[in-house]
Amino acid sequence: MRKNLLAAAAAVTAACCLALTACNDDTKGTTGSSSGERPQQTSPGTGTSSGPPPSAADGAKGAALAFGEASRTVGAGTVGILEITPTTVVYAKEGGRVTPQHGTFAVVTLKEASLSANPADEEAPAKGGGWRWVAADGRSVPAGNDNAARVVLEKYRHSGGIPPGASQVRAKVFDLTPAQAKGGTIVYTDGTKSADRWTVPATDTGPQVAEVKQQLKP
């Protein structure tokens, strides 16, 4: 289903470009990805979960993507194409004046870009989408769980549809136990119930490490 929606969205974008003479023949309108291949679709890890179990309708199973690798997915409400690239992970014992309920905050920054003629956004958790952290033992927690919801990183505080051709860097925060905060997998589920996974390093990694730590200071 997601493959068809991505193809349809791409076709609409191409048609709009031709009508408005806004695109060149070299089809460089979709930047930020090295190819136009279908994004890898995978299912979250199995095991005891603190939230809803993975849907049986999840995309084809496969290895998680490398941290920093881009993947294209369907936007919220199956509108638009959203390209997501995890960029940085930081583990912290506090965020602002908030301490984690379970011992450690994991902050993951994500570069998200709209690659279609329509604004694109993440699918909301209330509609079955959103982000989860899957630990090595298979247990998973949703983004913003427990005290993670109280952590505010002003520079990455974005919401709503991303305009066509634009991008934003957003952040997701997870409240983890020390055992869960030793690397893992982040999982994003889109509006078609397809899931993309990325392996997360066990130590602070990425170009925004210093910036995230600055944002976490009281």
N, C-alpha and C. Protein backbone atom coordinates (compact mmCIF):
# COMPACT_ATOMS: atom_id res chain seq x y z
N MET A 1 0.83 -1.21 0.00
CA MET A 1 0.00 0.00 0.00
C MET A 1 0.86 1.26 0.00
N ARG A 2 1.91 1.26 0.85
CA ARG A 2 2.74 2.46 0.94
C ARG A 2 3.46 2.71 -0.39
N LYS A 3 3.89 1.64 -1.07
CA LYS A 3 4.57 1.79 -2.34
C LYS A 3 3.67 2.51 -3.34
N ASN A 4 2.38 2.11 -3.38
CA ASN A 4 1.45 2.74 -4.30
C ASN A 4 1.22 4.21 -3.97
N LEU A 5 1.12 4.51 -2.66
CA LEU A 5 0.89 5.89 -2.23
C LEU A 5 2.09 6.78 -2.55
N LEU A 6 3.29 6.25 -2.34
CA LEU A 6 4.49 7.01 -2.66
C LEU A 6 4.57 7.28 -4.16
N ALA A 7 4.22 6.26 -4.95
CA ALA A 7 4.25 6.43 -6.40
C ALA A 7 3.22 7.46 -6.85
N ALA A 8 2.02 7.40 -6.23
CA ALA A 8 0.96 8.35 -6.59
C ALA A 8 1.35 9.77 -6.23
N ALA A 9 1.94 9.93 -5.03
CA ALA A 9 2.36 11.27 -4.60
C ALA A 9 3.44 11.82 -5.52
N ALA A 10 4.35 10.95 -5.92
CA ALA A 10 5.41 11.38 -6.83
C ALA A 10 4.84 11.80 -8.17
N ALA A 11 3.81 11.06 -8.64
CA ALA A 11 3.19 11.40 -9.91
C ALA A 11 2.49 12.74 -9.85
N VAL A 12 1.80 13.01 -8.72
CA VAL A 12 1.13 14.30 -8.54
C VAL A 12 2.15 15.42 -8.53
N THR A 13 3.26 15.20 -7.86
CA THR A 13 4.32 16.22 -7.81
C THR A 13 4.85 16.51 -9.21
N ALA A 14 5.08 15.47 -9.99
CA ALA A 14 5.59 15.65 -11.34
C ALA A 14 4.60 16.42 -12.20
N ALA A 15 3.31 16.09 -12.05
CA ALA A 15 2.28 16.78 -12.83
C ALA A 15 2.21 18.25 -12.48
N CYS A 16 2.32 18.55 -11.18
CA CYS A 16 2.28 19.94 -10.74
C CYS A 16 3.49 20.70 -11.27
N CYS A 17 4.63 20.04 -11.28
CA CYS A 17 5.84 20.70 -11.77
C CYS A 17 5.71 21.04 -13.25
N LEU A 18 5.14 20.14 -14.03
CA LEU A 18 4.98 20.39 -15.45
C LEU A 18 4.01 21.52 -15.70
N ALA A 19 2.93 21.54 -14.93
CA ALA A 19 1.90 22.56 -15.12
C ALA A 19 2.40 23.94 -14.76
N LEU A 20 3.26 24.02 -13.76
CA LEU A 20 3.74 25.31 -13.28
C LEU A 20 5.13 25.65 -13.81
N THR A 21 5.68 24.77 -14.66
CA THR A 21 7.05 24.92 -15.19
C THR A 21 8.05 25.22 -14.09
N ALA A 22 7.84 24.54 -12.97
CA ALA A 22 8.70 24.79 -11.81
C ALA A 22 9.79 23.75 -11.66
N CYS A 23 9.77 22.75 -12.50
CA CYS A 23 10.77 21.70 -12.37
C CYS A 23 11.58 21.57 -13.65
N ASN A 24 12.77 21.09 -13.57
CA ASN A 24 13.61 20.86 -14.73
C ASN A 24 13.47 19.42 -15.19
N ASP A 25 13.92 19.16 -16.40
CA ASP A 25 13.81 17.82 -16.94
C ASP A 25 14.70 16.82 -16.23
N ASP A 26 15.66 17.31 -15.45
CA ASP A 26 16.57 16.36 -14.80
C ASP A 26 16.01 15.82 -13.50
N THR A 27 14.72 16.16 -13.18
CA THR A 27 13.99 15.63 -12.01
C THR A 27 14.79 15.75 -10.73
N LYS A 28 15.33 16.94 -10.48
CA LYS A 28 16.08 17.15 -9.24
C LYS A 28 15.18 17.70 -8.14
N GLY A 29 13.89 17.56 -8.29
CA GLY A 29 12.96 18.13 -7.31
C GLY A 29 12.95 17.40 -6.01
N THR A 30 13.41 16.15 -5.96
CA THR A 30 13.40 15.42 -4.71
C THR A 30 14.83 15.29 -4.22
N THR A 31 15.24 16.25 -3.40
CA THR A 31 16.60 16.26 -2.90
C THR A 31 16.67 15.58 -1.55
N GLY A 32 17.90 15.26 -1.11
CA GLY A 32 18.12 14.71 0.23
C GLY A 32 18.20 13.20 0.23
N SER A 33 18.00 12.56 -0.93
CA SER A 33 18.11 11.10 -0.96
C SER A 33 18.92 10.72 -2.18
N SER A 34 19.70 9.70 -2.06
CA SER A 34 20.59 9.32 -3.15
C SER A 34 19.89 8.57 -4.26
N SER A 35 18.67 8.12 -4.04
CA SER A 35 17.97 7.39 -5.08
C SER A 35 16.48 7.53 -4.90
N GLY A 36 15.75 7.10 -5.91
CA GLY A 36 14.30 7.15 -5.82
C GLY A 36 13.71 5.82 -5.44
N GLU A 37 14.52 4.94 -4.83
CA GLU A 37 14.03 3.63 -4.48
C GLU A 37 12.99 3.72 -3.38
N ARG A 38 12.17 2.70 -3.34
CA ARG A 38 11.18 2.60 -2.29
C ARG A 38 11.89 2.46 -0.95
N PRO A 39 11.44 3.19 0.08
CA PRO A 39 12.09 3.07 1.40
C PRO A 39 11.93 1.68 1.96
N GLN A 40 12.92 1.25 2.69
CA GLN A 40 12.84 -0.05 3.31
C GLN A 40 11.74 -0.05 4.34
N GLN A 41 10.90 -1.08 4.32
CA GLN A 41 9.80 -1.18 5.26
C GLN A 41 10.07 -2.37 6.17
N THR A 42 10.08 -2.10 7.46
CA THR A 42 10.38 -3.16 8.40
C THR A 42 9.43 -3.09 9.57
N SER A 43 9.43 -4.13 10.37
CA SER A 43 8.53 -4.19 11.51
C SER A 43 9.29 -4.00 12.80
N PRO A 44 8.65 -3.40 13.82
CA PRO A 44 9.31 -3.23 15.11
C PRO A 44 9.68 -4.56 15.72
N GLY A 45 10.64 -4.53 16.65
CA GLY A 45 11.04 -5.75 17.33
C GLY A 45 9.90 -6.31 18.16
N THR A 46 9.91 -7.58 18.36
CA THR A 46 8.86 -8.21 19.15
C THR A 46 9.27 -8.27 20.59
N GLY A 47 8.33 -8.62 21.46
CA GLY A 47 8.62 -8.70 22.89
C GLY A 47 7.62 -7.90 23.67
N THR A 48 7.79 -7.88 24.99
CA THR A 48 6.87 -7.14 25.84
C THR A 48 6.97 -5.66 25.55
N SER A 49 5.84 -5.02 25.37
CA SER A 49 5.84 -3.61 25.01
C SER A 49 5.02 -2.82 26.00
N SER A 50 5.42 -1.53 26.20
CA SER A 50 4.66 -0.67 27.08
C SER A 50 3.55 0.04 26.32
N GLY A 51 3.39 -0.27 25.05
CA GLY A 51 2.36 0.36 24.23
C GLY A 51 1.73 -0.66 23.33
N PRO A 52 0.95 -0.20 22.30
CA PRO A 52 0.28 -1.11 21.39
C PRO A 52 1.28 -1.97 20.66
N PRO A 53 0.94 -3.26 20.40
CA PRO A 53 1.85 -4.13 19.67
C PRO A 53 1.95 -3.73 18.22
N PRO A 54 3.02 -4.13 17.53
CA PRO A 54 3.14 -3.83 16.11
C PRO A 54 1.96 -4.39 15.34
N SER A 55 1.55 -3.68 14.30
CA SER A 55 0.43 -4.12 13.49
C SER A 55 0.84 -5.24 12.57
N ALA A 56 -0.07 -6.16 12.30
CA ALA A 56 0.18 -7.24 11.37
C ALA A 56 0.34 -6.70 9.96
N ALA A 57 -0.10 -5.45 9.75
CA ALA A 57 -0.02 -4.85 8.43
C ALA A 57 1.30 -4.15 8.18
N ASP A 58 2.24 -4.27 9.12
CA ASP A 58 3.54 -3.63 8.94
C ASP A 58 4.19 -4.09 7.65
N GLY A 59 5.10 -3.25 7.12
CA GLY A 59 5.75 -3.57 5.86
C GLY A 59 6.67 -4.77 5.98
N ALA A 60 7.29 -5.13 4.86
CA ALA A 60 8.15 -6.30 4.81
C ALA A 60 9.27 -6.19 5.83
N LYS A 61 9.57 -7.33 6.48
CA LYS A 61 10.61 -7.34 7.49
C LYS A 61 11.99 -7.29 6.84
N GLY A 62 12.96 -6.77 7.60
CA GLY A 62 14.32 -6.69 7.08
C GLY A 62 15.20 -6.04 8.11
N ALA A 63 16.47 -5.92 7.80
CA ALA A 63 17.42 -5.32 8.73
C ALA A 63 17.12 -3.84 8.91
N ALA A 64 17.40 -3.34 10.12
CA ALA A 64 17.22 -1.92 10.38
C ALA A 64 18.21 -1.10 9.56
N LEU A 65 17.80 0.12 9.22
CA LEU A 65 18.67 1.03 8.49
C LEU A 65 19.77 1.53 9.43
N ALA A 66 20.87 1.96 8.85
CA ALA A 66 21.95 2.54 9.64
C ALA A 66 21.53 3.91 10.14
N PHE A 67 21.99 4.27 11.33
CA PHE A 67 21.71 5.59 11.88
C PHE A 67 22.33 6.63 10.95
N GLY A 68 21.53 7.63 10.54
CA GLY A 68 22.01 8.62 9.59
C GLY A 68 21.58 8.35 8.16
N GLU A 69 20.94 7.20 7.93
CA GLU A 69 20.46 6.87 6.58
C GLU A 69 19.03 7.37 6.40
N ALA A 70 18.76 7.97 5.25
CA ALA A 70 17.44 8.53 4.97
C ALA A 70 16.47 7.46 4.49
N SER A 71 15.18 7.67 4.80
CA SER A 71 14.13 6.79 4.30
C SER A 71 12.91 7.61 3.96
N ARG A 72 12.26 7.28 2.87
CA ARG A 72 11.04 7.97 2.47
C ARG A 72 9.82 7.20 2.95
N THR A 73 8.85 7.94 3.43
CA THR A 73 7.62 7.33 3.92
C THR A 73 6.44 8.21 3.55
N VAL A 74 5.25 7.73 3.79
CA VAL A 74 4.03 8.47 3.47
C VAL A 74 3.74 9.47 4.58
N GLY A 75 3.31 10.67 4.20
CA GLY A 75 2.99 11.68 5.19
C GLY A 75 1.71 11.38 5.95
N ALA A 76 1.43 12.18 6.96
CA ALA A 76 0.22 12.00 7.78
C ALA A 76 -1.02 12.02 6.91
N GLY A 77 -1.97 11.14 7.24
CA GLY A 77 -3.20 11.06 6.47
C GLY A 77 -2.96 10.59 5.05
N THR A 78 -1.82 9.91 4.84
CA THR A 78 -1.38 9.42 3.52
C THR A 78 -1.26 10.54 2.50
N VAL A 79 -0.91 11.75 2.98
CA VAL A 79 -0.73 12.92 2.10
C VAL A 79 0.75 13.28 2.04
N GLY A 80 1.30 13.34 0.86
CA GLY A 80 2.68 13.78 0.68
C GLY A 80 3.70 12.69 0.93
N ILE A 81 4.96 13.03 0.68
CA ILE A 81 6.09 12.14 0.92
C ILE A 81 7.00 12.79 1.95
N LEU A 82 7.29 12.08 3.02
CA LEU A 82 8.14 12.58 4.10
C LEU A 82 9.43 11.77 4.10
N GLU A 83 10.57 12.46 3.99
CA GLU A 83 11.85 11.79 4.09
C GLU A 83 12.42 12.04 5.48
N ILE A 84 12.80 10.97 6.17
CA ILE A 84 13.26 11.06 7.55
C ILE A 84 14.69 10.56 7.65
N THR A 85 15.54 11.35 8.33
CA THR A 85 16.93 10.97 8.54
C THR A 85 17.30 11.19 10.00
N PRO A 86 17.47 10.14 10.81
CA PRO A 86 17.96 10.34 12.17
C PRO A 86 19.39 10.88 12.11
N THR A 87 19.67 11.93 12.87
CA THR A 87 20.99 12.56 12.75
C THR A 87 21.84 12.47 14.01
N THR A 88 21.22 12.56 15.19
CA THR A 88 22.00 12.62 16.44
C THR A 88 21.27 11.90 17.56
N VAL A 89 22.03 11.26 18.44
CA VAL A 89 21.47 10.72 19.67
C VAL A 89 22.34 11.19 20.84
N VAL A 90 21.67 11.61 21.91
CA VAL A 90 22.35 12.06 23.13
C VAL A 90 21.67 11.39 24.32
N TYR A 91 22.47 10.82 25.22
CA TYR A 91 21.95 10.24 26.46
C TYR A 91 22.24 11.21 27.60
N ALA A 92 21.22 11.48 28.42
CA ALA A 92 21.38 12.50 29.47
C ALA A 92 20.67 12.08 30.75
N LYS A 93 21.21 12.56 31.87
CA LYS A 93 20.64 12.27 33.18
C LYS A 93 19.62 13.32 33.61
N GLU A 94 19.49 14.39 32.82
CA GLU A 94 18.46 15.39 33.08
C GLU A 94 18.22 16.19 31.81
N GLY A 95 17.04 16.80 31.75
CA GLY A 95 16.71 17.65 30.62
C GLY A 95 16.08 18.92 31.14
N GLY A 96 16.83 20.01 31.09
CA GLY A 96 16.36 21.21 31.76
C GLY A 96 16.42 20.97 33.25
N ARG A 97 15.32 21.14 33.92
CA ARG A 97 15.24 20.83 35.35
C ARG A 97 14.42 19.56 35.59
N VAL A 98 14.30 18.76 34.55
CA VAL A 98 13.52 17.52 34.62
C VAL A 98 14.46 16.33 34.69
N THR A 99 14.21 15.42 35.63
CA THR A 99 15.01 14.20 35.71
C THR A 99 14.19 13.03 35.18
N PRO A 100 14.84 12.07 34.55
CA PRO A 100 14.10 10.92 33.99
C PRO A 100 13.54 10.02 35.08
N GLN A 101 12.37 9.54 34.87
CA GLN A 101 11.73 8.64 35.84
C GLN A 101 12.46 7.31 35.91
N HIS A 102 13.02 6.89 34.79
CA HIS A 102 13.64 5.56 34.74
C HIS A 102 15.17 5.59 34.73
N GLY A 103 15.78 6.78 34.73
CA GLY A 103 17.22 6.86 34.85
C GLY A 103 17.96 7.61 33.76
N THR A 104 17.46 7.53 32.51
CA THR A 104 18.19 8.15 31.41
C THR A 104 17.22 8.68 30.35
N PHE A 105 17.49 9.89 29.87
CA PHE A 105 16.79 10.39 28.69
C PHE A 105 17.63 10.07 27.46
N ALA A 106 16.98 9.61 26.41
CA ALA A 106 17.63 9.47 25.11
C ALA A 106 16.95 10.47 24.18
N VAL A 107 17.75 11.39 23.65
CA VAL A 107 17.23 12.41 22.73
C VAL A 107 17.72 12.07 21.32
N VAL A 108 16.79 11.94 20.39
CA VAL A 108 17.14 11.64 19.00
C VAL A 108 16.66 12.79 18.12
N THR A 109 17.57 13.38 17.36
CA THR A 109 17.16 14.43 16.42
C THR A 109 16.95 13.81 15.05
N LEU A 110 16.02 14.39 14.30
CA LEU A 110 15.62 13.85 13.01
C LEU A 110 15.48 14.98 12.00
N LYS A 111 16.12 14.83 10.86
CA LYS A 111 15.90 15.76 9.77
C LYS A 111 14.73 15.22 8.95
N GLU A 112 13.67 16.02 8.83
CA GLU A 112 12.49 15.60 8.10
C GLU A 112 12.23 16.58 6.95
N ALA A 113 12.02 16.05 5.76
CA ALA A 113 11.84 16.88 4.58
C ALA A 113 10.60 16.46 3.81
N SER A 114 9.90 17.44 3.24
CA SER A 114 8.73 17.17 2.40
C SER A 114 9.21 17.10 0.95
N LEU A 115 8.99 15.95 0.30
CA LEU A 115 9.48 15.75 -1.05
C LEU A 115 8.36 15.73 -2.09
N SER A 116 7.19 16.22 -1.75
CA SER A 116 6.08 16.19 -2.69
C SER A 116 5.47 17.58 -2.85
N ALA A 117 4.43 17.66 -3.65
CA ALA A 117 3.78 18.95 -3.92
C ALA A 117 2.86 19.37 -2.79
N ASN A 118 2.70 18.51 -1.78
CA ASN A 118 1.85 18.81 -0.63
C ASN A 118 2.68 18.88 0.64
N PRO A 119 2.26 19.66 1.64
CA PRO A 119 2.95 19.60 2.93
C PRO A 119 2.91 18.18 3.47
N ALA A 120 3.95 17.77 4.17
CA ALA A 120 4.00 16.42 4.73
C ALA A 120 4.34 16.50 6.21
N ASP A 121 3.76 15.60 6.99
CA ASP A 121 3.98 15.60 8.43
C ASP A 121 4.02 14.16 8.92
N GLU A 122 4.48 13.97 10.17
CA GLU A 122 4.45 12.65 10.78
C GLU A 122 3.01 12.24 11.10
N GLU A 123 2.76 10.95 11.05
CA GLU A 123 1.46 10.45 11.46
C GLU A 123 1.37 10.52 12.98
N ALA A 124 0.24 10.97 13.50
CA ALA A 124 0.08 11.14 14.95
C ALA A 124 -0.10 9.78 15.65
N PRO A 125 0.42 9.65 16.89
CA PRO A 125 0.24 8.41 17.65
C PRO A 125 -1.23 8.04 17.82
N ALA A 126 -2.09 9.05 17.95
CA ALA A 126 -3.51 8.78 18.12
C ALA A 126 -4.12 8.08 16.91
N LYS A 127 -3.44 8.19 15.77
CA LYS A 127 -3.92 7.54 14.55
C LYS A 127 -3.08 6.32 14.19
N GLY A 128 -2.34 5.83 15.17
CA GLY A 128 -1.58 4.61 14.97
C GLY A 128 -0.17 4.80 14.48
N GLY A 129 0.29 6.06 14.37
CA GLY A 129 1.64 6.30 13.90
C GLY A 129 2.57 6.71 15.02
N GLY A 130 3.73 7.25 14.65
CA GLY A 130 4.64 7.78 15.65
C GLY A 130 5.87 6.93 15.88
N TRP A 131 6.59 7.29 16.96
CA TRP A 131 7.92 6.76 17.24
C TRP A 131 7.97 5.89 18.49
N ARG A 132 8.83 4.85 18.42
CA ARG A 132 9.07 3.99 19.58
C ARG A 132 10.56 3.66 19.65
N TRP A 133 11.02 3.42 20.87
CA TRP A 133 12.38 2.96 21.11
C TRP A 133 12.29 1.48 21.48
N VAL A 134 13.00 0.64 20.75
CA VAL A 134 13.01 -0.80 21.03
C VAL A 134 14.39 -1.17 21.56
N ALA A 135 14.42 -1.66 22.79
CA ALA A 135 15.69 -2.03 23.43
C ALA A 135 16.16 -3.40 22.94
N ALA A 136 17.37 -3.77 23.35
CA ALA A 136 17.95 -5.03 22.90
C ALA A 136 17.11 -6.23 23.31
N ASP A 137 16.39 -6.13 24.43
CA ASP A 137 15.59 -7.26 24.89
C ASP A 137 14.20 -7.30 24.26
N GLY A 138 13.94 -6.37 23.32
CA GLY A 138 12.64 -6.38 22.63
C GLY A 138 11.59 -5.49 23.26
N ARG A 139 11.84 -5.01 24.48
CA ARG A 139 10.86 -4.11 25.10
C ARG A 139 10.89 -2.76 24.41
N SER A 140 9.73 -2.11 24.30
CA SER A 140 9.68 -0.84 23.60
C SER A 140 8.89 0.20 24.39
N VAL A 141 9.25 1.45 24.17
CA VAL A 141 8.55 2.56 24.81
C VAL A 141 8.28 3.63 23.76
N PRO A 142 7.16 4.34 23.89
CA PRO A 142 6.84 5.39 22.92
C PRO A 142 7.62 6.66 23.20
N ALA A 143 7.82 7.47 22.19
CA ALA A 143 8.45 8.78 22.38
C ALA A 143 7.57 9.62 23.30
N GLY A 144 8.21 10.40 24.17
CA GLY A 144 7.47 11.26 25.09
C GLY A 144 6.86 10.52 26.26
N ASN A 145 7.36 9.32 26.56
CA ASN A 145 6.81 8.56 27.68
C ASN A 145 7.25 9.16 29.02
N ASP A 146 6.42 9.01 30.01
CA ASP A 146 6.74 9.44 31.38
C ASP A 146 7.34 10.85 31.41
N ASN A 147 8.50 11.04 32.04
CA ASN A 147 9.04 12.41 32.17
C ASN A 147 9.64 12.95 30.87
N ALA A 148 9.77 12.13 29.85
CA ALA A 148 10.27 12.61 28.56
C ALA A 148 9.35 13.67 27.98
N ALA A 149 8.08 13.58 28.30
CA ALA A 149 7.10 14.55 27.79
C ALA A 149 7.34 15.95 28.34
N ARG A 150 8.08 16.06 29.44
CA ARG A 150 8.32 17.35 30.07
C ARG A 150 9.61 18.02 29.59
N VAL A 151 10.37 17.32 28.77
CA VAL A 151 11.64 17.86 28.27
C VAL A 151 11.35 18.70 27.03
N VAL A 152 11.80 19.96 27.05
CA VAL A 152 11.56 20.87 25.92
C VAL A 152 12.90 21.30 25.33
N LEU A 153 13.08 21.06 24.04
CA LEU A 153 14.25 21.53 23.32
C LEU A 153 13.75 22.56 22.31
N GLU A 154 13.87 23.82 22.67
CA GLU A 154 13.25 24.89 21.89
C GLU A 154 13.67 24.90 20.43
N LYS A 155 14.93 24.62 20.15
CA LYS A 155 15.41 24.69 18.78
C LYS A 155 14.77 23.63 17.89
N TYR A 156 14.32 22.54 18.49
CA TYR A 156 13.76 21.43 17.72
C TYR A 156 12.26 21.28 17.94
N ARG A 157 11.65 22.33 18.45
CA ARG A 157 10.23 22.26 18.79
C ARG A 157 9.37 22.64 17.57
N HIS A 158 9.22 21.70 16.66
CA HIS A 158 8.44 21.93 15.44
C HIS A 158 7.25 20.97 15.40
N SER A 159 6.20 21.40 14.75
CA SER A 159 5.03 20.54 14.55
C SER A 159 4.27 21.04 13.34
N GLY A 160 3.36 20.21 12.86
CA GLY A 160 2.57 20.59 11.70
C GLY A 160 3.24 20.19 10.40
N GLY A 161 2.53 20.39 9.31
CA GLY A 161 3.02 20.00 8.01
C GLY A 161 4.25 20.79 7.58
N ILE A 162 5.20 20.11 6.97
CA ILE A 162 6.40 20.75 6.44
C ILE A 162 6.11 21.14 4.99
N PRO A 163 6.33 22.41 4.62
CA PRO A 163 6.02 22.86 3.25
C PRO A 163 6.81 22.08 2.20
N PRO A 164 6.27 21.98 0.99
CA PRO A 164 6.97 21.28 -0.09
C PRO A 164 8.37 21.84 -0.31
N GLY A 165 9.34 20.96 -0.40
CA GLY A 165 10.71 21.37 -0.64
C GLY A 165 11.47 21.84 0.58
N ALA A 166 10.80 21.94 1.72
CA ALA A 166 11.44 22.42 2.95
C ALA A 166 11.79 21.25 3.86
N SER A 167 12.60 21.53 4.89
CA SER A 167 12.96 20.52 5.88
C SER A 167 13.04 21.14 7.26
N GLN A 168 12.95 20.31 8.27
CA GLN A 168 13.06 20.73 9.66
C GLN A 168 13.86 19.68 10.42
N VAL A 169 14.51 20.09 11.51
CA VAL A 169 15.14 19.15 12.42
C VAL A 169 14.28 19.09 13.68
N ARG A 170 13.75 17.93 13.97
CA ARG A 170 12.89 17.73 15.12
C ARG A 170 13.58 16.80 16.10
N ALA A 171 13.05 16.72 17.31
CA ALA A 171 13.66 15.86 18.33
C ALA A 171 12.60 15.00 19.00
N LYS A 172 12.97 13.76 19.31
CA LYS A 172 12.14 12.85 20.08
C LYS A 172 12.90 12.47 21.34
N VAL A 173 12.18 12.43 22.47
CA VAL A 173 12.81 12.13 23.75
C VAL A 173 12.17 10.88 24.34
N PHE A 174 13.00 9.99 24.86
CA PHE A 174 12.55 8.74 25.46
C PHE A 174 13.08 8.67 26.89
N ASP A 175 12.25 8.22 27.82
CA ASP A 175 12.62 8.03 29.22
C ASP A 175 12.93 6.54 29.40
N LEU A 176 14.23 6.21 29.54
CA LEU A 176 14.67 4.82 29.50
C LEU A 176 15.35 4.38 30.79
N THR A 177 15.36 3.08 31.02
CA THR A 177 16.17 2.51 32.10
C THR A 177 17.62 2.47 31.63
N PRO A 178 18.59 2.35 32.54
CA PRO A 178 19.99 2.26 32.12
C PRO A 178 20.24 1.12 31.13
N ALA A 179 19.55 0.01 31.31
CA ALA A 179 19.73 -1.12 30.39
C ALA A 179 19.18 -0.80 29.00
N GLN A 180 18.06 -0.09 28.95
CA GLN A 180 17.46 0.26 27.67
C GLN A 180 18.27 1.33 26.93
N ALA A 181 19.04 2.11 27.70
CA ALA A 181 19.78 3.24 27.11
C ALA A 181 21.19 2.84 26.68
N LYS A 182 21.33 1.62 26.23
CA LYS A 182 22.63 1.15 25.73
C LYS A 182 22.52 0.85 24.24
N GLY A 183 21.97 1.81 23.53
CA GLY A 183 21.72 1.59 22.11
C GLY A 183 20.42 0.83 21.93
N GLY A 184 19.97 0.73 20.72
CA GLY A 184 18.72 0.05 20.46
C GLY A 184 18.27 0.32 19.04
N THR A 185 16.96 0.38 18.88
CA THR A 185 16.37 0.63 17.57
C THR A 185 15.24 1.63 17.72
N ILE A 186 15.19 2.64 16.86
CA ILE A 186 14.02 3.51 16.83
C ILE A 186 13.15 3.09 15.66
N VAL A 187 11.85 3.14 15.89
CA VAL A 187 10.87 2.67 14.92
C VAL A 187 9.86 3.77 14.64
N TYR A 188 9.65 4.08 13.36
CA TYR A 188 8.61 5.03 12.98
C TYR A 188 7.54 4.30 12.19
N THR A 189 6.27 4.46 12.60
CA THR A 189 5.14 3.84 11.91
C THR A 189 4.33 4.93 11.22
N ASP A 190 4.09 4.76 9.93
CA ASP A 190 3.35 5.79 9.19
C ASP A 190 1.86 5.47 9.13
N GLY A 191 1.13 6.25 8.36
CA GLY A 191 -0.33 6.10 8.30
C GLY A 191 -0.82 4.85 7.61
N THR A 192 0.08 4.14 6.92
CA THR A 192 -0.31 2.88 6.28
C THR A 192 0.03 1.69 7.17
N LYS A 193 0.51 1.96 8.40
CA LYS A 193 0.95 0.95 9.36
C LYS A 193 2.26 0.29 8.94
N SER A 194 2.95 0.89 7.99
CA SER A 194 4.28 0.41 7.62
C SER A 194 5.31 1.03 8.55
N ALA A 195 6.35 0.30 8.86
CA ALA A 195 7.33 0.77 9.84
C ALA A 195 8.73 0.79 9.26
N ASP A 196 9.47 1.83 9.61
CA ASP A 196 10.89 1.94 9.28
C ASP A 196 11.68 1.89 10.58
N ARG A 197 12.84 1.24 10.54
CA ARG A 197 13.66 1.09 11.75
C ARG A 197 15.08 1.56 11.48
N TRP A 198 15.69 2.11 12.52
CA TRP A 198 17.09 2.52 12.46
C TRP A 198 17.82 2.03 13.71
N THR A 199 19.01 1.55 13.55
CA THR A 199 19.85 1.16 14.67
C THR A 199 20.45 2.40 15.32
N VAL A 200 20.35 2.50 16.65
CA VAL A 200 20.84 3.67 17.37
C VAL A 200 22.14 3.34 18.09
N PRO A 201 23.19 4.15 17.93
CA PRO A 201 24.46 3.90 18.64
C PRO A 201 24.27 3.96 20.16
N ALA A 202 25.15 3.29 20.87
CA ALA A 202 25.07 3.23 22.33
C ALA A 202 25.72 4.42 23.02
N THR A 203 26.39 5.28 22.25
CA THR A 203 27.02 6.47 22.82
C THR A 203 26.57 7.71 22.05
N ASP A 204 26.78 8.88 22.64
CA ASP A 204 26.41 10.14 21.98
C ASP A 204 27.04 10.19 20.60
N THR A 205 26.21 10.43 19.59
CA THR A 205 26.67 10.38 18.20
C THR A 205 25.93 11.41 17.35
N GLY A 206 26.64 12.08 16.44
CA GLY A 206 25.96 12.93 15.48
C GLY A 206 26.41 14.38 15.51
N PRO A 207 26.08 15.14 14.48
CA PRO A 207 26.55 16.53 14.35
C PRO A 207 25.92 17.51 15.33
N GLN A 208 24.80 17.14 15.95
CA GLN A 208 24.14 18.07 16.87
C GLN A 208 24.36 17.74 18.35
N VAL A 209 25.34 16.89 18.67
CA VAL A 209 25.55 16.48 20.06
C VAL A 209 25.74 17.69 20.97
N ALA A 210 26.66 18.57 20.63
CA ALA A 210 26.94 19.74 21.48
C ALA A 210 25.71 20.63 21.59
N GLU A 211 25.02 20.80 20.50
CA GLU A 211 23.83 21.65 20.49
C GLU A 211 22.71 21.08 21.35
N VAL A 212 22.50 19.78 21.26
CA VAL A 212 21.47 19.12 22.08
C VAL A 212 21.82 19.25 23.56
N LYS A 213 23.07 19.03 23.90
CA LYS A 213 23.49 19.14 25.31
C LYS A 213 23.27 20.56 25.82
N GLN A 214 23.49 21.55 24.96
CA GLN A 214 23.26 22.93 25.34
C GLN A 214 21.77 23.16 25.60
N GLN A 215 20.95 22.60 24.76
CA GLN A 215 19.49 22.73 24.91
C GLN A 215 18.98 22.04 26.17
N LEU A 216 19.69 21.01 26.64
CA LEU A 216 19.27 20.26 27.82
C LEU A 216 19.70 20.90 29.12
N LYS A 217 20.53 21.92 29.06
CA LYS A 217 20.98 22.58 30.28
C LYS A 217 19.82 23.31 30.97
N PRO A 218 19.84 23.39 32.32
CA PRO A 218 18.77 24.10 33.04
C PRO A 218 18.70 25.56 32.67
